Amino acid sequence: MKKLFYSEDAFELQAVRSELDALGIPYMVKNEFASGALGELPWQEAQQEIWLVDDTWFTRASKAVNGIKANFTSSRGSKGGKGEERGEWVCSSCGEQNGSAFEICWQCGENLMS
């Protein structure tokens, strides 16, 4: 068995699990239910980890994980360009005002980045 991934971010961890499930890659989650022991155990010992059941999947699984990490890294970065955070924006398709947290217009579905 080989450790593939760990993260403090539960959303990132779930994204990796979902991708591995979709690709049919066998894995196990270590410390999946250990969060209840926080305080009794150091947080590093209770952190969830994804381990491959079969090491022959490592190359394919690593590519999937790297893609997810890149996606999460880019989504955490700024969307406004030149290192600035993007603020509210107006949809070029329907003219609807959208909050800075949205990349897709809630009114018509137009993607900000397209």
N, C-alpha and C. Protein backbone atom coordinates (compact mmCIF):
# COMPACT_ATOMS: atom_id res chain seq x y z
N MET A 1 0.84 -1.18 0.00
CA MET A 1 0.00 0.00 0.00
C MET A 1 0.88 1.23 0.00
N LYS A 2 0.37 2.28 -0.65
CA LYS A 2 1.13 3.51 -0.79
C LYS A 2 0.23 4.70 -0.49
N LYS A 3 0.75 5.64 0.34
CA LYS A 3 -0.03 6.84 0.63
C LYS A 3 -0.06 7.71 -0.62
N LEU A 4 -1.26 8.11 -1.03
CA LEU A 4 -1.44 8.88 -2.25
C LEU A 4 -1.68 10.35 -1.95
N PHE A 5 -2.49 10.63 -0.92
CA PHE A 5 -2.95 12.01 -0.75
C PHE A 5 -3.43 12.26 0.67
N TYR A 6 -3.23 13.48 1.14
CA TYR A 6 -3.85 13.94 2.38
C TYR A 6 -4.07 15.44 2.24
N SER A 7 -5.03 15.94 2.96
CA SER A 7 -5.33 17.36 2.91
C SER A 7 -6.15 17.76 4.12
N GLU A 8 -5.95 18.98 4.57
CA GLU A 8 -6.79 19.52 5.63
C GLU A 8 -8.13 19.98 5.07
N ASP A 9 -8.19 20.17 3.77
CA ASP A 9 -9.39 20.65 3.10
C ASP A 9 -10.31 19.47 2.77
N ALA A 10 -11.43 19.40 3.46
CA ALA A 10 -12.36 18.28 3.27
C ALA A 10 -12.93 18.25 1.85
N PHE A 11 -13.11 19.41 1.23
CA PHE A 11 -13.63 19.45 -0.13
C PHE A 11 -12.62 18.88 -1.13
N GLU A 12 -11.36 19.21 -0.93
CA GLU A 12 -10.31 18.69 -1.80
C GLU A 12 -10.19 17.17 -1.63
N LEU A 13 -10.26 16.71 -0.40
CA LEU A 13 -10.18 15.28 -0.12
C LEU A 13 -11.35 14.55 -0.79
N GLN A 14 -12.54 15.11 -0.69
CA GLN A 14 -13.71 14.47 -1.30
C GLN A 14 -13.61 14.50 -2.82
N ALA A 15 -13.04 15.55 -3.39
CA ALA A 15 -12.85 15.61 -4.84
C ALA A 15 -11.93 14.49 -5.31
N VAL A 16 -10.87 14.24 -4.56
CA VAL A 16 -9.95 13.15 -4.91
C VAL A 16 -10.67 11.81 -4.80
N ARG A 17 -11.41 11.62 -3.73
CA ARG A 17 -12.16 10.36 -3.56
C ARG A 17 -13.14 10.14 -4.71
N SER A 18 -13.86 11.18 -5.08
CA SER A 18 -14.84 11.07 -6.17
C SER A 18 -14.15 10.72 -7.49
N GLU A 19 -13.01 11.35 -7.75
CA GLU A 19 -12.29 11.08 -8.99
C GLU A 19 -11.76 9.64 -9.01
N LEU A 20 -11.22 9.18 -7.91
CA LEU A 20 -10.73 7.80 -7.83
C LEU A 20 -11.87 6.81 -8.02
N ASP A 21 -13.02 7.11 -7.41
CA ASP A 21 -14.20 6.26 -7.60
C ASP A 21 -14.60 6.21 -9.07
N ALA A 22 -14.62 7.37 -9.72
CA ALA A 22 -15.02 7.44 -11.13
C ALA A 22 -14.05 6.68 -12.03
N LEU A 23 -12.78 6.68 -11.67
CA LEU A 23 -11.77 5.96 -12.46
C LEU A 23 -11.65 4.49 -12.09
N GLY A 24 -12.36 4.07 -11.05
CA GLY A 24 -12.32 2.68 -10.61
C GLY A 24 -11.01 2.29 -9.96
N ILE A 25 -10.33 3.26 -9.35
CA ILE A 25 -9.05 3.00 -8.69
C ILE A 25 -9.32 2.63 -7.24
N PRO A 26 -8.84 1.44 -6.82
CA PRO A 26 -9.10 1.00 -5.44
C PRO A 26 -8.23 1.77 -4.42
N TYR A 27 -8.87 2.24 -3.37
CA TYR A 27 -8.18 3.00 -2.33
C TYR A 27 -8.86 2.76 -0.99
N MET A 28 -8.20 3.20 0.05
CA MET A 28 -8.81 3.19 1.38
C MET A 28 -8.52 4.54 2.03
N VAL A 29 -9.39 4.94 2.96
CA VAL A 29 -9.21 6.18 3.68
C VAL A 29 -8.78 5.86 5.10
N LYS A 30 -7.62 6.34 5.46
CA LYS A 30 -7.11 6.15 6.81
C LYS A 30 -7.57 7.33 7.65
N ASN A 31 -7.98 7.08 8.86
CA ASN A 31 -8.43 8.11 9.81
C ASN A 31 -9.74 8.78 9.38
N GLU A 32 -10.56 8.07 8.64
CA GLU A 32 -11.81 8.65 8.15
C GLU A 32 -12.71 9.12 9.29
N PHE A 33 -12.69 8.41 10.38
CA PHE A 33 -13.57 8.76 11.50
C PHE A 33 -12.78 9.19 12.74
N ALA A 34 -11.54 9.57 12.55
CA ALA A 34 -10.66 9.92 13.68
C ALA A 34 -10.86 11.35 14.19
N SER A 35 -11.64 12.16 13.49
CA SER A 35 -11.80 13.55 13.92
C SER A 35 -12.43 13.64 15.31
N GLY A 36 -13.18 12.64 15.69
CA GLY A 36 -13.77 12.62 17.03
C GLY A 36 -12.74 12.46 18.13
N ALA A 37 -11.56 12.03 17.76
CA ALA A 37 -10.49 11.84 18.75
C ALA A 37 -9.59 13.06 18.88
N LEU A 38 -9.89 14.12 18.14
CA LEU A 38 -9.08 15.33 18.26
C LEU A 38 -9.13 15.83 19.70
N GLY A 39 -8.00 16.22 20.19
CA GLY A 39 -7.88 16.58 21.60
C GLY A 39 -7.19 15.47 22.35
N GLU A 40 -7.58 14.24 22.04
CA GLU A 40 -6.91 13.07 22.60
C GLU A 40 -5.68 12.72 21.75
N LEU A 41 -5.81 12.98 20.44
CA LEU A 41 -4.72 12.75 19.50
C LEU A 41 -4.29 14.09 18.90
N PRO A 42 -3.02 14.23 18.53
CA PRO A 42 -2.62 15.44 17.80
C PRO A 42 -3.35 15.49 16.46
N TRP A 43 -3.62 16.69 15.95
CA TRP A 43 -4.37 16.82 14.70
C TRP A 43 -3.67 16.11 13.54
N GLN A 44 -2.33 16.05 13.57
CA GLN A 44 -1.60 15.39 12.48
C GLN A 44 -1.89 13.89 12.45
N GLU A 45 -2.17 13.31 13.60
CA GLU A 45 -2.45 11.89 13.68
C GLU A 45 -3.89 11.55 13.29
N ALA A 46 -4.77 12.55 13.31
CA ALA A 46 -6.18 12.32 13.00
C ALA A 46 -6.55 12.79 11.60
N GLN A 47 -5.58 13.30 10.85
CA GLN A 47 -5.85 13.82 9.51
C GLN A 47 -6.15 12.67 8.54
N GLN A 48 -7.18 12.86 7.72
CA GLN A 48 -7.55 11.82 6.75
C GLN A 48 -6.47 11.68 5.68
N GLU A 49 -6.22 10.45 5.29
CA GLU A 49 -5.25 10.14 4.25
C GLU A 49 -5.86 9.14 3.28
N ILE A 50 -5.51 9.27 2.01
CA ILE A 50 -5.97 8.32 1.01
C ILE A 50 -4.77 7.45 0.63
N TRP A 51 -4.96 6.15 0.76
CA TRP A 51 -3.93 5.17 0.47
C TRP A 51 -4.41 4.28 -0.68
N LEU A 52 -3.52 3.97 -1.60
CA LEU A 52 -3.84 3.04 -2.67
C LEU A 52 -3.76 1.61 -2.16
N VAL A 53 -4.74 0.82 -2.49
CA VAL A 53 -4.75 -0.58 -2.10
C VAL A 53 -3.77 -1.37 -2.96
N ASP A 54 -3.64 -0.96 -4.22
CA ASP A 54 -2.76 -1.64 -5.18
C ASP A 54 -1.80 -0.60 -5.77
N ASP A 55 -0.50 -0.77 -5.51
CA ASP A 55 0.50 0.20 -5.96
C ASP A 55 0.60 0.35 -7.47
N THR A 56 0.11 -0.62 -8.23
CA THR A 56 0.21 -0.53 -9.69
C THR A 56 -0.65 0.60 -10.25
N TRP A 57 -1.57 1.12 -9.46
CA TRP A 57 -2.42 2.24 -9.88
C TRP A 57 -1.78 3.60 -9.60
N PHE A 58 -0.60 3.62 -9.01
CA PHE A 58 -0.02 4.87 -8.51
C PHE A 58 0.15 5.93 -9.61
N THR A 59 0.66 5.57 -10.75
CA THR A 59 0.89 6.55 -11.82
C THR A 59 -0.42 7.20 -12.26
N ARG A 60 -1.42 6.39 -12.53
CA ARG A 60 -2.72 6.93 -12.98
C ARG A 60 -3.38 7.75 -11.88
N ALA A 61 -3.33 7.25 -10.64
CA ALA A 61 -3.93 7.97 -9.52
C ALA A 61 -3.22 9.29 -9.26
N SER A 62 -1.90 9.30 -9.39
CA SER A 62 -1.13 10.53 -9.18
C SER A 62 -1.50 11.60 -10.20
N LYS A 63 -1.71 11.19 -11.45
CA LYS A 63 -2.13 12.16 -12.48
C LYS A 63 -3.48 12.76 -12.12
N ALA A 64 -4.39 11.94 -11.65
CA ALA A 64 -5.71 12.44 -11.25
C ALA A 64 -5.59 13.42 -10.08
N VAL A 65 -4.79 13.06 -9.10
CA VAL A 65 -4.60 13.92 -7.92
C VAL A 65 -3.94 15.24 -8.32
N ASN A 66 -2.93 15.18 -9.18
CA ASN A 66 -2.26 16.40 -9.62
C ASN A 66 -3.21 17.34 -10.36
N GLY A 67 -4.11 16.77 -11.15
CA GLY A 67 -5.10 17.59 -11.84
C GLY A 67 -6.05 18.27 -10.86
N ILE A 68 -6.46 17.55 -9.85
CA ILE A 68 -7.36 18.11 -8.84
C ILE A 68 -6.64 19.19 -8.03
N LYS A 69 -5.40 18.93 -7.65
CA LYS A 69 -4.62 19.94 -6.91
C LYS A 69 -4.46 21.21 -7.73
N ALA A 70 -4.17 21.06 -9.01
CA ALA A 70 -4.02 22.23 -9.89
C ALA A 70 -5.32 23.00 -9.98
N ASN A 71 -6.43 22.28 -10.08
CA ASN A 71 -7.74 22.93 -10.15
C ASN A 71 -8.05 23.69 -8.87
N PHE A 72 -7.78 23.08 -7.72
CA PHE A 72 -8.03 23.75 -6.44
C PHE A 72 -7.10 24.94 -6.25
N THR A 73 -5.84 24.80 -6.68
CA THR A 73 -4.89 25.90 -6.55
C THR A 73 -5.32 27.08 -7.40
N SER A 74 -5.74 26.81 -8.64
CA SER A 74 -6.15 27.91 -9.52
C SER A 74 -7.45 28.54 -9.04
N SER A 75 -8.36 27.75 -8.46
CA SER A 75 -9.61 28.32 -7.98
C SER A 75 -9.42 29.13 -6.70
N ARG A 76 -8.36 28.83 -5.95
CA ARG A 76 -8.06 29.61 -4.75
C ARG A 76 -7.35 30.91 -5.09
N GLY A 77 -6.69 30.92 -6.25
CA GLY A 77 -5.98 32.13 -6.69
C GLY A 77 -6.96 33.18 -7.14
N SER A 78 -6.44 34.30 -7.55
CA SER A 78 -7.33 35.39 -7.97
C SER A 78 -7.90 35.11 -9.34
N LYS A 79 -9.08 35.63 -9.58
CA LYS A 79 -9.75 35.47 -10.86
C LYS A 79 -9.76 36.79 -11.64
N GLY A 80 -9.28 37.84 -11.02
CA GLY A 80 -9.38 39.13 -11.65
C GLY A 80 -8.19 39.50 -12.49
N GLY A 81 -7.15 38.71 -12.47
CA GLY A 81 -5.96 39.01 -13.26
C GLY A 81 -5.05 39.96 -12.51
N LYS A 82 -3.79 40.00 -12.88
CA LYS A 82 -2.77 40.88 -12.31
C LYS A 82 -2.70 40.76 -10.80
N GLY A 83 -3.04 39.59 -10.25
CA GLY A 83 -2.92 39.35 -8.82
C GLY A 83 -3.99 39.99 -7.97
N GLU A 84 -4.99 40.61 -8.58
CA GLU A 84 -6.07 41.25 -7.83
C GLU A 84 -7.25 40.31 -7.73
N GLU A 85 -7.98 40.42 -6.63
CA GLU A 85 -9.19 39.61 -6.51
C GLU A 85 -10.29 40.24 -7.34
N ARG A 86 -11.07 39.39 -7.97
CA ARG A 86 -12.18 39.86 -8.78
C ARG A 86 -13.33 40.25 -7.86
N GLY A 87 -14.00 41.34 -8.18
CA GLY A 87 -15.15 41.76 -7.41
C GLY A 87 -16.43 41.32 -8.10
N GLU A 88 -17.51 41.99 -7.80
CA GLU A 88 -18.77 41.68 -8.47
C GLU A 88 -18.61 41.93 -9.95
N TRP A 89 -19.40 41.22 -10.75
CA TRP A 89 -19.28 41.37 -12.20
C TRP A 89 -20.66 41.32 -12.84
N VAL A 90 -20.74 41.90 -14.03
CA VAL A 90 -21.99 41.95 -14.79
C VAL A 90 -21.86 40.99 -15.95
N CYS A 91 -22.85 40.14 -16.11
CA CYS A 91 -22.85 39.13 -17.17
C CYS A 91 -22.91 39.82 -18.54
N SER A 92 -21.99 39.44 -19.43
CA SER A 92 -21.97 40.03 -20.77
C SER A 92 -23.11 39.51 -21.64
N SER A 93 -23.73 38.41 -21.24
CA SER A 93 -24.80 37.82 -22.03
C SER A 93 -26.18 38.40 -21.68
N CYS A 94 -26.48 38.48 -20.36
CA CYS A 94 -27.83 38.93 -19.98
C CYS A 94 -27.84 40.22 -19.17
N GLY A 95 -26.66 40.70 -18.75
CA GLY A 95 -26.58 41.95 -18.00
C GLY A 95 -26.85 41.82 -16.52
N GLU A 96 -26.99 40.59 -16.03
CA GLU A 96 -27.27 40.37 -14.60
C GLU A 96 -26.04 40.63 -13.75
N GLN A 97 -26.24 41.26 -12.59
CA GLN A 97 -25.15 41.50 -11.63
C GLN A 97 -24.93 40.22 -10.81
N ASN A 98 -23.67 39.79 -10.72
CA ASN A 98 -23.32 38.56 -10.00
C ASN A 98 -22.29 38.87 -8.93
N GLY A 99 -22.34 38.15 -7.84
CA GLY A 99 -21.38 38.33 -6.76
C GLY A 99 -20.01 37.79 -7.14
N SER A 100 -19.00 38.22 -6.41
CA SER A 100 -17.62 37.84 -6.70
C SER A 100 -17.37 36.34 -6.51
N ALA A 101 -18.20 35.67 -5.72
CA ALA A 101 -18.01 34.24 -5.48
C ALA A 101 -18.45 33.39 -6.67
N PHE A 102 -19.14 33.98 -7.63
CA PHE A 102 -19.70 33.22 -8.75
C PHE A 102 -18.86 33.39 -10.00
N GLU A 103 -18.60 32.27 -10.68
CA GLU A 103 -17.94 32.30 -11.97
C GLU A 103 -18.94 32.08 -13.09
N ILE A 104 -20.13 31.63 -12.72
CA ILE A 104 -21.19 31.37 -13.70
C ILE A 104 -22.39 32.23 -13.32
N CYS A 105 -22.95 32.90 -14.29
CA CYS A 105 -24.11 33.76 -14.05
C CYS A 105 -25.27 32.93 -13.53
N TRP A 106 -25.83 33.35 -12.42
CA TRP A 106 -26.93 32.59 -11.83
C TRP A 106 -28.20 32.75 -12.64
N GLN A 107 -28.29 33.79 -13.44
CA GLN A 107 -29.49 34.04 -14.24
C GLN A 107 -29.53 33.20 -15.52
N CYS A 108 -28.42 33.24 -16.30
CA CYS A 108 -28.46 32.59 -17.61
C CYS A 108 -27.44 31.45 -17.77
N GLY A 109 -26.51 31.29 -16.83
CA GLY A 109 -25.55 30.21 -16.90
C GLY A 109 -24.29 30.52 -17.68
N GLU A 110 -24.15 31.75 -18.14
CA GLU A 110 -22.94 32.15 -18.89
C GLU A 110 -21.72 32.08 -17.96
N ASN A 111 -20.61 31.55 -18.47
CA ASN A 111 -19.38 31.41 -17.70
C ASN A 111 -18.57 32.70 -17.81
N LEU A 112 -18.14 33.23 -16.69
CA LEU A 112 -17.34 34.46 -16.65
C LEU A 112 -16.07 34.30 -17.45
N MET A 113 -15.45 33.13 -17.40
CA MET A 113 -14.16 32.92 -18.03
C MET A 113 -14.26 32.66 -19.54
N SER A 114 -15.46 32.51 -20.08
CA SER A 114 -15.56 32.22 -21.52
C SER A 114 -15.61 33.48 -22.34
